[in-house]
PDB file of N, CA and C in Angstrom:
ATOM      1  N   MET A   1      37.755 -86.830   4.446  1.00  0.00           N
ATOM      2  CA  MET A   1      38.516 -85.862   5.195  1.00  0.00           C
ATOM      3  C   MET A   1      38.648 -84.552   4.423  1.00  0.00           C
ATOM      4  N   ARG A   2      38.915 -84.677   3.106  1.00  0.00           N
ATOM      5  CA  ARG A   2      39.024 -83.482   2.277  1.00  0.00           C
ATOM      6  C   ARG A   2      37.721 -82.697   2.264  1.00  0.00           C
ATOM      7  N   ARG A   3      36.620 -83.409   2.164  1.00  0.00           N
ATOM      8  CA  ARG A   3      35.314 -82.729   2.142  1.00  0.00           C
ATOM      9  C   ARG A   3      35.081 -81.957   3.432  1.00  0.00           C
ATOM     10  N   LEU A   4      35.449 -82.568   4.522  1.00  0.00           N
ATOM     11  CA  LEU A   4      35.291 -81.915   5.820  1.00  0.00           C
ATOM     12  C   LEU A   4      36.132 -80.652   5.880  1.00  0.00           C
ATOM     13  N   LEU A   5      37.355 -80.724   5.411  1.00  0.00           N
ATOM     14  CA  LEU A   5      38.244 -79.568   5.381  1.00  0.00           C
ATOM     15  C   LEU A   5      37.682 -78.479   4.468  1.00  0.00           C
ATOM     16  N   CYS A   6      37.198 -78.861   3.308  1.00  0.00           N
ATOM     17  CA  CYS A   6      36.600 -77.895   2.376  1.00  0.00           C
ATOM     18  C   CYS A   6      35.390 -77.213   3.001  1.00  0.00           C
ATOM     19  N   CYS A   7      34.545 -77.997   3.639  1.00  0.00           N
ATOM     20  CA  CYS A   7      33.360 -77.431   4.288  1.00  0.00           C
ATOM     21  C   CYS A   7      33.760 -76.451   5.377  1.00  0.00           C
ATOM     22  N   ALA A   8      34.763 -76.815   6.166  1.00  0.00           N
ATOM     23  CA  ALA A   8      35.231 -75.939   7.241  1.00  0.00           C
ATOM     24  C   ALA A   8      35.772 -74.632   6.674  1.00  0.00           C
ATOM     25  N   LEU A   9      36.547 -74.722   5.591  1.00  0.00           N
ATOM     26  CA  LEU A   9      37.082 -73.513   4.955  1.00  0.00           C
ATOM     27  C   LEU A   9      35.974 -72.642   4.377  1.00  0.00           C
ATOM     28  N   LEU A  10      34.995 -73.259   3.752  1.00  0.00           N
ATOM     29  CA  LEU A  10      33.875 -72.498   3.197  1.00  0.00           C
ATOM     30  C   LEU A  10      33.082 -71.806   4.300  1.00  0.00           C
ATOM     31  N   LEU A  11      32.828 -72.510   5.394  1.00  0.00           N
ATOM     32  CA  LEU A  11      32.105 -71.903   6.513  1.00  0.00           C
ATOM     33  C   LEU A  11      32.885 -70.742   7.107  1.00  0.00           C
ATOM     34  N   ALA A  12      34.185 -70.901   7.252  1.00  0.00           N
ATOM     35  CA  ALA A  12      35.023 -69.821   7.783  1.00  0.00           C
ATOM     36  C   ALA A  12      34.992 -68.617   6.851  1.00  0.00           C
ATOM     37  N   ALA A  13      35.058 -68.866   5.549  1.00  0.00           N
ATOM     38  CA  ALA A  13      35.012 -67.772   4.582  1.00  0.00           C
ATOM     39  C   ALA A  13      33.670 -67.064   4.626  1.00  0.00           C
ATOM     40  N   CYS A  14      32.579 -67.815   4.755  1.00  0.00           N
ATOM     41  CA  CYS A  14      31.246 -67.208   4.842  1.00  0.00           C
ATOM     42  C   CYS A  14      31.126 -66.373   6.104  1.00  0.00           C
ATOM     43  N   HIS A  15      31.625 -66.896   7.221  1.00  0.00           N
ATOM     44  CA  HIS A  15      31.561 -66.160   8.486  1.00  0.00           C
ATOM     45  C   HIS A  15      32.361 -64.859   8.378  1.00  0.00           C
ATOM     46  N   ARG A  16      33.548 -64.927   7.774  1.00  0.00           N
ATOM     47  CA  ARG A  16      34.367 -63.730   7.593  1.00  0.00           C
ATOM     48  C   ARG A  16      33.650 -62.745   6.689  1.00  0.00           C
ATOM     49  N   SER A  17      33.036 -63.249   5.626  1.00  0.00           N
ATOM     50  CA  SER A  17      32.299 -62.393   4.708  1.00  0.00           C
ATOM     51  C   SER A  17      31.156 -61.673   5.420  1.00  0.00           C
ATOM     52  N   GLU A  18      30.448 -62.385   6.301  1.00  0.00           N
ATOM     53  CA  GLU A  18      29.370 -61.754   7.064  1.00  0.00           C
ATOM     54  C   GLU A  18      29.912 -60.646   7.956  1.00  0.00           C
ATOM     55  N   LYS A  19      31.064 -60.883   8.585  1.00  0.00           N
ATOM     56  CA  LYS A  19      31.666 -59.863   9.438  1.00  0.00           C
ATOM     57  C   LYS A  19      32.034 -58.626   8.630  1.00  0.00           C
ATOM     58  N   VAL A  20      32.622 -58.841   7.443  1.00  0.00           N
ATOM     59  CA  VAL A  20      33.003 -57.726   6.580  1.00  0.00           C
ATOM     60  C   VAL A  20      31.761 -56.958   6.145  1.00  0.00           C
ATOM     61  N   GLN A  21      30.700 -57.675   5.749  1.00  0.00           N
ATOM     62  CA  GLN A  21      29.460 -57.014   5.346  1.00  0.00           C
ATOM     63  C   GLN A  21      28.860 -56.228   6.502  1.00  0.00           C
ATOM     64  N   ASP A  22      28.872 -56.827   7.689  1.00  0.00           N
ATOM     65  CA  ASP A  22      28.339 -56.126   8.854  1.00  0.00           C
ATOM     66  C   ASP A  22      29.129 -54.859   9.129  1.00  0.00           C
ATOM     67  N   ALA A  23      30.455 -54.939   9.045  1.00  0.00           N
ATOM     68  CA  ALA A  23      31.288 -53.759   9.291  1.00  0.00           C
ATOM     69  C   ALA A  23      30.993 -52.665   8.271  1.00  0.00           C
ATOM     70  N   ALA A  24      30.810 -53.062   7.016  1.00  0.00           N
ATOM     71  CA  ALA A  24      30.481 -52.073   5.985  1.00  0.00           C
ATOM     72  C   ALA A  24      29.104 -51.477   6.226  1.00  0.00           C
ATOM     73  N   MET A  25      28.154 -52.316   6.620  1.00  0.00           N
ATOM     74  CA  MET A  25      26.783 -51.860   6.849  1.00  0.00           C
ATOM     75  C   MET A  25      26.716 -50.831   7.967  1.00  0.00           C
ATOM     76  N   ASN A  26      27.538 -51.030   8.990  1.00  0.00           N
ATOM     77  CA  ASN A  26      27.427 -50.123  10.122  1.00  0.00           C
ATOM     78  C   ASN A  26      28.525 -49.074  10.170  1.00  0.00           C
ATOM     79  N   GLY A  27      29.245 -48.893   9.089  1.00  0.00           N
ATOM     80  CA  GLY A  27      30.225 -47.827   9.033  1.00  0.00           C
ATOM     81  C   GLY A  27      31.470 -48.096   9.863  1.00  0.00           C
ATOM     82  N   GLY A  28      31.666 -49.344  10.286  1.00  0.00           N
ATOM     83  CA  GLY A  28      32.860 -49.693  11.024  1.00  0.00           C
ATOM     84  C   GLY A  28      32.762 -49.538  12.527  1.00  0.00           C
ATOM     85  N   GLY A  29      31.636 -49.077  13.046  1.00  0.00           N
ATOM     86  CA  GLY A  29      31.480 -48.911  14.484  1.00  0.00           C
ATOM     87  C   GLY A  29      31.165 -50.213  15.193  1.00  0.00           C
ATOM     88  N   ASP A  30      31.126 -50.139  16.512  1.00  0.00           N
ATOM     89  CA  ASP A  30      30.849 -51.300  17.354  1.00  0.00           C
ATOM     90  C   ASP A  30      29.488 -51.120  18.019  1.00  0.00           C
ATOM     91  N   PRO A  31      28.502 -51.956  17.663  1.00  0.00           N
ATOM     92  CA  PRO A  31      27.155 -51.803  18.226  1.00  0.00           C
ATOM     93  C   PRO A  31      27.118 -51.885  19.750  1.00  0.00           C
ATOM     94  N   ASP A  32      27.956 -52.728  20.362  1.00  0.00           N
ATOM     95  CA  ASP A  32      27.959 -52.820  21.824  1.00  0.00           C
ATOM     96  C   ASP A  32      28.454 -51.526  22.459  1.00  0.00           C
ATOM     97  N   HIS A  33      29.499 -50.948  21.875  1.00  0.00           N
ATOM     98  CA  HIS A  33      29.969 -49.643  22.366  1.00  0.00           C
ATOM     99  C   HIS A  33      28.908 -48.573  22.113  1.00  0.00           C
ATOM    100  N   GLY A  34      28.168 -48.737  21.006  1.00  0.00           N
ATOM    101  CA  GLY A  34      27.097 -47.784  20.684  1.00  0.00           C
ATOM    102  C   GLY A  34      26.010 -47.767  21.742  1.00  0.00           C
ATOM    103  N   LYS A  35      25.636 -48.954  22.239  1.00  0.00           N
ATOM    104  CA  LYS A  35      24.620 -49.015  23.312  1.00  0.00           C
ATOM    105  C   LYS A  35      25.091 -48.243  24.537  1.00  0.00           C
ATOM    106  N   ALA A  36      26.349 -48.430  24.902  1.00  0.00           N
ATOM    107  CA  ALA A  36      26.905 -47.723  26.061  1.00  0.00           C
ATOM    108  C   ALA A  36      26.938 -46.216  25.807  1.00  0.00           C
ATOM    109  N   ALA A  37      27.300 -45.815  24.601  1.00  0.00           N
ATOM    110  CA  ALA A  37      27.360 -44.392  24.263  1.00  0.00           C
ATOM    111  C   ALA A  37      25.967 -43.764  24.290  1.00  0.00           C
ATOM    112  N   ILE A  38      24.972 -44.488  23.836  1.00  0.00           N
ATOM    113  CA  ILE A  38      23.589 -43.984  23.877  1.00  0.00           C
ATOM    114  C   ILE A  38      23.197 -43.663  25.312  1.00  0.00           C
ATOM    115  N   LEU A  39      23.580 -44.525  26.230  1.00  0.00           N
ATOM    116  CA  LEU A  39      23.293 -44.272  27.648  1.00  0.00           C
ATOM    117  C   LEU A  39      24.077 -43.067  28.161  1.00  0.00           C
ATOM    118  N   ARG A  40      25.366 -42.977  27.817  1.00  0.00           N
ATOM    119  CA  ARG A  40      26.207 -41.860  28.282  1.00  0.00           C
ATOM    120  C   ARG A  40      25.693 -40.513  27.806  1.00  0.00           C
ATOM    121  N   TYR A  41      25.250 -40.457  26.559  1.00  0.00           N
ATOM    122  CA  TYR A  41      24.786 -39.186  26.004  1.00  0.00           C
ATOM    123  C   TYR A  41      23.329 -38.881  26.368  1.00  0.00           C
ATOM    124  N   GLY A  42      22.653 -39.815  27.005  1.00  0.00           N
ATOM    125  CA  GLY A  42      21.281 -39.578  27.444  1.00  0.00           C
ATOM    126  C   GLY A  42      20.268 -39.519  26.315  1.00  0.00           C
ATOM    127  N   CYS A  43      20.495 -40.272  25.261  1.00  0.00           N
ATOM    128  CA  CYS A  43      19.619 -40.232  24.086  1.00  0.00           C
ATOM    129  C   CYS A  43      18.172 -40.618  24.415  1.00  0.00           C
ATOM    130  N   THR A  44      17.993 -41.469  25.440  1.00  0.00           N
ATOM    131  CA  THR A  44      16.634 -41.908  25.785  1.00  0.00           C
ATOM    132  C   THR A  44      15.825 -40.811  26.465  1.00  0.00           C
ATOM    133  N   ALA A  45      16.446 -39.700  26.795  1.00  0.00           N
ATOM    134  CA  ALA A  45      15.682 -38.573  27.343  1.00  0.00           C
ATOM    135  C   ALA A  45      14.712 -38.039  26.287  1.00  0.00           C
ATOM    136  N   CYS A  46      15.088 -38.180  25.031  1.00  0.00           N
ATOM    137  CA  CYS A  46      14.245 -37.665  23.943  1.00  0.00           C
ATOM    138  C   CYS A  46      13.689 -38.759  23.034  1.00  0.00           C
ATOM    139  N   HIS A  47      14.374 -39.902  22.956  1.00  0.00           N
ATOM    140  CA  HIS A  47      13.980 -40.969  22.032  1.00  0.00           C
ATOM    141  C   HIS A  47      13.657 -42.264  22.767  1.00  0.00           C
ATOM    142  N   SER A  48      12.719 -42.997  22.227  1.00  0.00           N
ATOM    143  CA  SER A  48      12.485 -44.379  22.635  1.00  0.00           C
ATOM    144  C   SER A  48      13.362 -45.233  21.730  1.00  0.00           C
ATOM    145  N   ILE A  49      14.266 -46.030  22.345  1.00  0.00           N
ATOM    146  CA  ILE A  49      15.235 -46.791  21.569  1.00  0.00           C
ATOM    147  C   ILE A  49      15.187 -48.244  22.018  1.00  0.00           C
ATOM    148  N   PRO A  50      14.761 -49.158  21.150  1.00  0.00           N
ATOM    149  CA  PRO A  50      14.710 -50.574  21.515  1.00  0.00           C
ATOM    150  C   PRO A  50      16.057 -51.091  22.015  1.00  0.00           C
ATOM    151  N   GLY A  51      15.993 -51.890  23.083  1.00  0.00           N
ATOM    152  CA  GLY A  51      17.191 -52.504  23.621  1.00  0.00           C
ATOM    153  C   GLY A  51      17.975 -51.625  24.573  1.00  0.00           C
ATOM    154  N   ILE A  52      17.513 -50.412  24.801  1.00  0.00           N
ATOM    155  CA  ILE A  52      18.202 -49.484  25.699  1.00  0.00           C
ATOM    156  C   ILE A  52      17.311 -49.222  26.899  1.00  0.00           C
ATOM    157  N   LYS A  53      17.844 -49.454  28.090  1.00  0.00           N
ATOM    158  CA  LYS A  53      17.083 -49.202  29.310  1.00  0.00           C
ATOM    159  C   LYS A  53      17.099 -47.712  29.614  1.00  0.00           C
ATOM    160  N   GLY A  54      16.098 -47.299  30.349  1.00  0.00           N
ATOM    161  CA  GLY A  54      16.030 -45.890  30.732  1.00  0.00           C
ATOM    162  C   GLY A  54      14.707 -45.294  30.326  1.00  0.00           C
ATOM    163  N   PRO A  55      14.621 -43.979  30.404  1.00  0.00           N
ATOM    164  CA  PRO A  55      13.370 -43.325  30.024  1.00  0.00           C
ATOM    165  C   PRO A  55      13.057 -43.584  28.551  1.00  0.00           C
ATOM    166  N   LYS A  56      11.818 -43.469  28.211  1.00  0.00           N
ATOM    167  CA  LYS A  56      11.381 -43.628  26.822  1.00  0.00           C
ATOM    168  C   LYS A  56      10.888 -42.264  26.351  1.00  0.00           C
ATOM    169  N   GLY A  57      11.835 -41.415  25.985  1.00  0.00           N
ATOM    170  CA  GLY A  57      11.521 -40.040  25.613  1.00  0.00           C
ATOM    171  C   GLY A  57      10.543 -39.937  24.459  1.00  0.00           C
ATOM    172  N   MET A  58       9.812 -38.847  24.456  1.00  0.00           N
ATOM    173  CA  MET A  58       8.807 -38.623  23.420  1.00  0.00           C
ATOM    174  C   MET A  58       9.027 -37.310  22.679  1.00  0.00           C
ATOM    175  N   VAL A  59      10.139 -36.633  22.942  1.00  0.00           N
ATOM    176  CA  VAL A  59      10.425 -35.371  22.259  1.00  0.00           C
ATOM    177  C   VAL A  59      10.857 -35.643  20.820  1.00  0.00           C
ATOM    178  N   GLY A  60      11.782 -36.586  20.662  1.00  0.00           N
ATOM    179  CA  GLY A  60      12.244 -36.983  19.333  1.00  0.00           C
ATOM    180  C   GLY A  60      11.500 -38.214  18.877  1.00  0.00           C
ATOM    181  N   PRO A  61      11.667 -38.595  17.633  1.00  0.00           N
ATOM    182  CA  PRO A  61      10.957 -39.777  17.124  1.00  0.00           C
ATOM    183  C   PRO A  61      11.479 -41.060  17.758  1.00  0.00           C
ATOM    184  N   PRO A  62      10.622 -42.072  17.878  1.00  0.00           N
ATOM    185  CA  PRO A  62      11.119 -43.379  18.319  1.00  0.00           C
ATOM    186  C   PRO A  62      12.076 -43.918  17.253  1.00  0.00           C
ATOM    187  N   LEU A  63      13.097 -44.649  17.687  1.00  0.00           N
ATOM    188  CA  LEU A  63      14.135 -45.083  16.753  1.00  0.00           C
ATOM    189  C   LEU A  63      14.070 -46.558  16.397  1.00  0.00           C
ATOM    190  N   GLU A  64      12.926 -47.216  16.673  1.00  0.00           N
ATOM    191  CA  GLU A  64      12.834 -48.611  16.265  1.00  0.00           C
ATOM    192  C   GLU A  64      12.887 -48.695  14.742  1.00  0.00           C
ATOM    193  N   ARG A  65      13.438 -49.814  14.273  1.00  0.00           N
ATOM    194  CA  ARG A  65      13.580 -50.088  12.841  1.00  0.00           C
ATOM    195  C   ARG A  65      14.376 -49.000  12.106  1.00  0.00           C
ATOM    196  N   MET A  66      15.320 -48.398  12.799  1.00  0.00           N
ATOM    197  CA  MET A  66      16.116 -47.320  12.192  1.00  0.00           C
ATOM    198  C   MET A  66      16.849 -47.799  10.940  1.00  0.00           C
ATOM    199  N   ALA A  67      17.310 -49.034  10.947  1.00  0.00           N
ATOM    200  CA  ALA A  67      18.047 -49.554   9.782  1.00  0.00           C
ATOM    201  C   ALA A  67      17.159 -49.697   8.553  1.00  0.00           C
ATOM    202  N   SER A  68      15.855 -49.776   8.747  1.00  0.00           N
ATOM    203  CA  SER A  68      14.924 -49.965   7.634  1.00  0.00           C
ATOM    204  C   SER A  68      14.401 -48.643   7.069  1.00  0.00           C
ATOM    205  N   ARG A  69      14.753 -47.563   7.698  1.00  0.00           N
ATOM    206  CA  ARG A  69      14.248 -46.264   7.241  1.00  0.00           C
ATOM    207  C   ARG A  69      15.045 -45.744   6.060  1.00  0.00           C
ATOM    208  N   SER A  70      14.361 -45.025   5.190  1.00  0.00           N
ATOM    209  CA  SER A  70      15.021 -44.468   4.006  1.00  0.00           C
ATOM    210  C   SER A  70      15.739 -43.162   4.294  1.00  0.00           C
ATOM    211  N   PHE A  71      15.210 -42.391   5.259  1.00  0.00           N
ATOM    212  CA  PHE A  71      15.742 -41.054   5.495  1.00  0.00           C
ATOM    213  C   PHE A  71      16.014 -40.787   6.958  1.00  0.00           C
ATOM    214  N   ILE A  72      16.934 -39.881   7.197  1.00  0.00           N
ATOM    215  CA  ILE A  72      17.211 -39.326   8.518  1.00  0.00           C
ATOM    216  C   ILE A  72      16.604 -37.933   8.523  1.00  0.00           C
ATOM    217  N   ALA A  73      15.788 -37.660   9.521  1.00  0.00           N
ATOM    218  CA  ALA A  73      15.137 -36.351   9.659  1.00  0.00           C
ATOM    219  C   ALA A  73      14.312 -35.984   8.429  1.00  0.00           C
ATOM    220  N   GLY A  74      13.903 -36.984   7.678  1.00  0.00           N
ATOM    221  CA  GLY A  74      13.066 -36.739   6.513  1.00  0.00           C
ATOM    222  C   GLY A  74      13.786 -36.080   5.351  1.00  0.00           C
ATOM    223  N   LYS A  75      15.117 -35.924   5.445  1.00  0.00           N
ATOM    224  CA  LYS A  75      15.852 -35.177   4.423  1.00  0.00           C
ATOM    225  C   LYS A  75      17.066 -35.889   3.849  1.00  0.00           C
ATOM    226  N   TYR A  76      17.737 -36.681   4.659  1.00  0.00           N
ATOM    227  CA  TYR A  76      19.031 -37.235   4.277  1.00  0.00           C
ATOM    228  C   TYR A  76      18.942 -38.743   4.133  1.00  0.00           C
ATOM    229  N   GLN A  77      19.548 -39.272   3.071  1.00  0.00           N
ATOM    230  CA  GLN A  77      19.545 -40.713   2.859  1.00  0.00           C
ATOM    231  C   GLN A  77      20.129 -41.385   4.093  1.00  0.00           C
ATOM    232  N   ASN A  78      19.476 -42.441   4.542  1.00  0.00           N
ATOM    233  CA  ASN A  78      19.895 -43.146   5.746  1.00  0.00           C
ATOM    234  C   ASN A  78      21.059 -44.077   5.430  1.00  0.00           C
ATOM    235  N   THR A  79      22.257 -43.540   5.547  1.00  0.00           N
ATOM    236  CA  THR A  79      23.484 -44.317   5.371  1.00  0.00           C
ATOM    237  C   THR A  79      24.283 -44.210   6.670  1.00  0.00           C
ATOM    238  N   PRO A  80      25.197 -45.155   6.920  1.00  0.00           N
ATOM    239  CA  PRO A  80      26.026 -45.039   8.120  1.00  0.00           C
ATOM    240  C   PRO A  80      26.802 -43.719   8.174  1.00  0.00           C
ATOM    241  N   GLN A  81      27.297 -43.276   7.035  1.00  0.00           N
ATOM    242  CA  GLN A  81      28.064 -42.027   7.001  1.00  0.00           C
ATOM    243  C   GLN A  81      27.177 -40.824   7.343  1.00  0.00           C
ATOM    244  N   ASN A  82      25.999 -40.743   6.745  1.00  0.00           N
ATOM    245  CA  ASN A  82      25.102 -39.624   7.040  1.00  0.00           C
ATOM    246  C   ASN A  82      24.625 -39.658   8.487  1.00  0.00           C
ATOM    247  N   LEU A  83      24.317 -40.849   8.983  1.00  0.00           N
ATOM    248  CA  LEU A  83      23.860 -40.953  10.365  1.00  0.00           C
ATOM    249  C   LEU A  83      24.974 -40.558  11.328  1.00  0.00           C
ATOM    250  N   THR A  84      26.199 -40.972  11.039  1.00  0.00           N
ATOM    251  CA  THR A  84      27.339 -40.599  11.877  1.00  0.00           C
ATOM    252  C   THR A  84      27.511 -39.085  11.895  1.00  0.00           C
ATOM    253  N   GLN A  85      27.431 -38.473  10.742  1.00  0.00           N
ATOM    254  CA  GLN A  85      27.555 -37.012  10.644  1.00  0.00           C
ATOM    255  C   GLN A  85      26.415 -36.326  11.401  1.00  0.00           C
ATOM    256  N   TRP A  86      25.193 -36.831  11.243  1.00  0.00           N
ATOM    257  CA  TRP A  86      24.033 -36.280  11.932  1.00  0.00           C
ATOM    258  C   TRP A  86      24.216 -36.336  13.449  1.00  0.00           C
ATOM    259  N   LEU A  87      24.670 -37.469  13.946  1.00  0.00           N
ATOM    260  CA  LEU A  87      24.847 -37.642  15.384  1.00  0.00           C
ATOM    261  C   LEU A  87      25.901 -36.694  15.948  1.00  0.00           C
ATOM    262  N   GLN A  88      26.918 -36.387  15.164  1.00  0.00           N
ATOM    263  CA  GLN A  88      27.973 -35.496  15.634  1.00  0.00           C
ATOM    264  C   GLN A  88      27.513 -34.047  15.704  1.00  0.00           C
ATOM    265  N   ASN A  89      26.705 -33.619  14.744  1.00  0.00           N
ATOM    266  CA  ASN A  89      26.282 -32.227  14.744  1.00  0.00           C
ATOM    267  C   ASN A  89      25.021 -32.051  13.901  1.00  0.00           C
ATOM    268  N   PRO A  90      23.863 -32.394  14.467  1.00  0.00           N
ATOM    269  CA  PRO A  90      22.619 -32.288  13.691  1.00  0.00           C
ATOM    270  C   PRO A  90      22.297 -30.851  13.276  1.00  0.00           C
ATOM    271  N   GLN A  91      22.712 -29.886  14.076  1.00  0.00           N
ATOM    272  CA  GLN A  91      22.434 -28.490  13.742  1.00  0.00           C
ATOM    273  C   GLN A  91      23.199 -28.026  12.503  1.00  0.00           C
ATOM    274  N   ALA A  92      24.375 -28.593  12.264  1.00  0.00           N
ATOM    275  CA  ALA A  92      25.140 -28.241  11.071  1.00  0.00           C
ATOM    276  C   ALA A  92      24.445 -28.751   9.812  1.00  0.00           C
ATOM    277  N   MET A  93      23.776 -29.883   9.927  1.00  0.00           N
ATOM    278  CA  MET A  93      23.094 -30.454   8.767  1.00  0.00           C
ATOM    279  C   MET A  93      21.739 -29.788   8.536  1.00  0.00           C
ATOM    280  N   ASP A  94      21.060 -29.441   9.621  1.00  0.00           N
ATOM    281  CA  ASP A  94      19.735 -28.819   9.518  1.00  0.00           C
ATOM    282  C   ASP A  94      19.528 -27.899  10.725  1.00  0.00           C
ATOM    283  N   PRO A  95      19.841 -26.625  10.588  1.00  0.00           N
ATOM    284  CA  PRO A  95      19.744 -25.695  11.713  1.00  0.00           C
ATOM    285  C   PRO A  95      18.332 -25.541  12.286  1.00  0.00           C
ATOM    286  N   GLU A  96      17.323 -25.953  11.539  1.00  0.00           N
ATOM    287  CA  GLU A  96      15.945 -25.814  12.023  1.00  0.00           C
ATOM    288  C   GLU A  96      15.431 -27.047  12.760  1.00  0.00           C
ATOM    289  N   ASN A  97      16.243 -28.082  12.898  1.00  0.00           N
ATOM    290  CA  ASN A  97      15.768 -29.265  13.598  1.00  0.00           C
ATOM    291  C   ASN A  97      15.907 -29.057  15.106  1.00  0.00           C
ATOM    292  N   ALA A  98      15.202 -29.865  15.879  1.00  0.00           N
ATOM    293  CA  ALA A  98      15.172 -29.702  17.335  1.00  0.00           C
ATOM    294  C   ALA A  98      16.253 -30.490  18.065  1.00  0.00           C
ATOM    295  N   MET A  99      16.971 -31.372  17.375  1.00  0.00           N
ATOM    296  CA  MET A  99      17.974 -32.182  18.060  1.00  0.00           C
ATOM    297  C   MET A  99      19.194 -31.330  18.387  1.00  0.00           C
ATOM    298  N   PRO A 100      19.580 -31.319  19.662  1.00  0.00           N
ATOM    299  CA  PRO A 100      20.732 -30.495  20.049  1.00  0.00           C
ATOM    300  C   PRO A 100      22.058 -31.155  19.682  1.00  0.00           C
ATOM    301  N   ASN A 101      23.094 -30.349  19.593  1.00  0.00           N
ATOM    302  CA  ASN A 101      24.442 -30.865  19.413  1.00  0.00           C
ATOM    303  C   ASN A 101      24.932 -31.278  20.792  1.00  0.00           C
ATOM    304  N   LEU A 102      25.111 -32.581  20.999  1.00  0.00           N
ATOM    305  CA  LEU A 102      25.515 -33.114  22.294  1.00  0.00           C
ATOM    306  C   LEU A 102      27.020 -33.314  22.401  1.00  0.00           C
ATOM    307  N   GLY A 103      27.764 -32.897  21.378  1.00  0.00           N
ATOM    308  CA  GLY A 103      29.208 -33.072  21.408  1.00  0.00           C
ATOM    309  C   GLY A 103      29.633 -34.525  21.244  1.00  0.00           C
ATOM    310  N   VAL A 104      28.871 -35.280  20.479  1.00  0.00           N
ATOM    311  CA  VAL A 104      29.188 -36.691  20.253  1.00  0.00           C
ATOM    312  C   VAL A 104      30.501 -36.775  19.467  1.00  0.00           C
ATOM    313  N   THR A 105      31.428 -37.554  19.982  1.00  0.00           N
ATOM    314  CA  THR A 105      32.723 -37.700  19.309  1.00  0.00           C
ATOM    315  C   THR A 105      32.556 -38.512  18.025  1.00  0.00           C
ATOM    316  N   PRO A 106      33.492 -38.378  17.091  1.00  0.00           N
ATOM    317  CA  PRO A 106      33.398 -39.171  15.857  1.00  0.00           C
ATOM    318  C   PRO A 106      33.331 -40.681  16.129  1.00  0.00           C
ATOM    319  N   GLU A 107      34.141 -41.190  17.062  1.00  0.00           N
ATOM    320  CA  GLU A 107      34.131 -42.622  17.358  1.00  0.00           C
ATOM    321  C   GLU A 107      32.806 -43.047  17.982  1.00  0.00           C
ATOM    322  N   ASP A 108      32.298 -42.250  18.932  1.00  0.00           N
ATOM    323  CA  ASP A 108      31.003 -42.568  19.540  1.00  0.00           C
ATOM    324  C   ASP A 108      29.886 -42.509  18.513  1.00  0.00           C
ATOM    325  N   ALA A 109      29.949 -41.556  17.588  1.00  0.00           N
ATOM    326  CA  ALA A 109      28.924 -41.447  16.545  1.00  0.00           C
ATOM    327  C   ALA A 109      28.915 -42.694  15.667  1.00  0.00           C
ATOM    328  N   LYS A 110      30.098 -43.207  15.305  1.00  0.00           N
ATOM    329  CA  LYS A 110      30.180 -44.447  14.513  1.00  0.00           C
ATOM    330  C   LYS A 110      29.560 -45.610  15.276  1.00  0.00           C
ATOM    331  N   ASP A 111      29.874 -45.668  16.582  1.00  0.00           N
ATOM    332  CA  ASP A 111      29.362 -46.769  17.395  1.00  0.00           C
ATOM    333  C   ASP A 111      27.849 -46.676  17.568  1.00  0.00           C
ATOM    334  N   ILE A 112      27.333 -45.479  17.806  1.00  0.00           N
ATOM    335  CA  ILE A 112      25.884 -45.299  17.949  1.00  0.00           C
ATOM    336  C   ILE A 112      25.188 -45.655  16.641  1.00  0.00           C
ATOM    337  N   ALA A 113      25.743 -45.188  15.522  1.00  0.00           N
ATOM    338  CA  ALA A 113      25.170 -45.523  14.218  1.00  0.00           C
ATOM    339  C   ALA A 113      25.181 -47.034  14.002  1.00  0.00           C
ATOM    340  N   ALA A 114      26.271 -47.690  14.426  1.00  0.00           N
ATOM    341  CA  ALA A 114      26.349 -49.150  14.287  1.00  0.00           C
ATOM    342  C   ALA A 114      25.225 -49.816  15.063  1.00  0.00           C
ATOM    343  N   TYR A 115      24.963 -49.340  16.282  1.00  0.00           N
ATOM    344  CA  TYR A 115      23.860 -49.920  17.054  1.00  0.00           C
ATOM    345  C   TYR A 115      22.517 -49.646  16.369  1.00  0.00           C
ATOM    346  N   LEU A 116      22.298 -48.420  15.954  1.00  0.00           N
ATOM    347  CA  LEU A 116      21.017 -48.084  15.329  1.00  0.00           C
ATOM    348  C   LEU A 116      20.788 -48.877  14.049  1.00  0.00           C
ATOM    349  N   PHE A 117      21.876 -49.239  13.355  1.00  0.00           N
ATOM    350  CA  PHE A 117      21.737 -50.049  12.137  1.00  0.00           C
ATOM    351  C   PHE A 117      21.470 -51.528  12.455  1.00  0.00           C
ATOM    352  N   THR A 118      21.487 -51.910  13.723  1.00  0.00           N
ATOM    353  CA  THR A 118      21.052 -53.269  14.077  1.00  0.00           C
ATOM    354  C   THR A 118      19.548 -53.318  14.246  1.00  0.00           C
ATOM    355  N   LEU A 119      18.906 -52.168  14.312  1.00  0.00           N
ATOM    356  CA  LEU A 119      17.454 -52.098  14.549  1.00  0.00           C
ATOM    357  C   LEU A 119      16.716 -52.196  13.228  1.00  0.00           C
ATOM    358  N   LYS A 120      16.409 -53.452  12.836  1.00  0.00           N
ATOM    359  CA  LYS A 120      15.757 -53.690  11.551  1.00  0.00           C
ATOM    360  C   LYS A 120      14.330 -53.914  11.809  1.00  0.00           C
TER     361      LYS A 120
END
């Protein structure tokens, strides 16, 4: 009985640890809300994004395997914080890039970044 209890506690601790790691990895956003936000902001008009229905835009780069990329826009380290900042105002980070400022809110940017960080 004790072994069973110990195993259950260890499994619960591991599951909690995975949740904490996931939250840290994605900057605290919600990937499911991120999918909805991607649709609301019309991101697929310019990007092909796995798991998102709609047009498969070709103006911007395809976003598959976004979590595995080293850089955002070829310039900035690909971290949840940098991606969140980029999504909120790409022109502030690089005025010469083609991505428009869509007025993405800070919360939506966290959620979108969380979804994009699921794309390994």
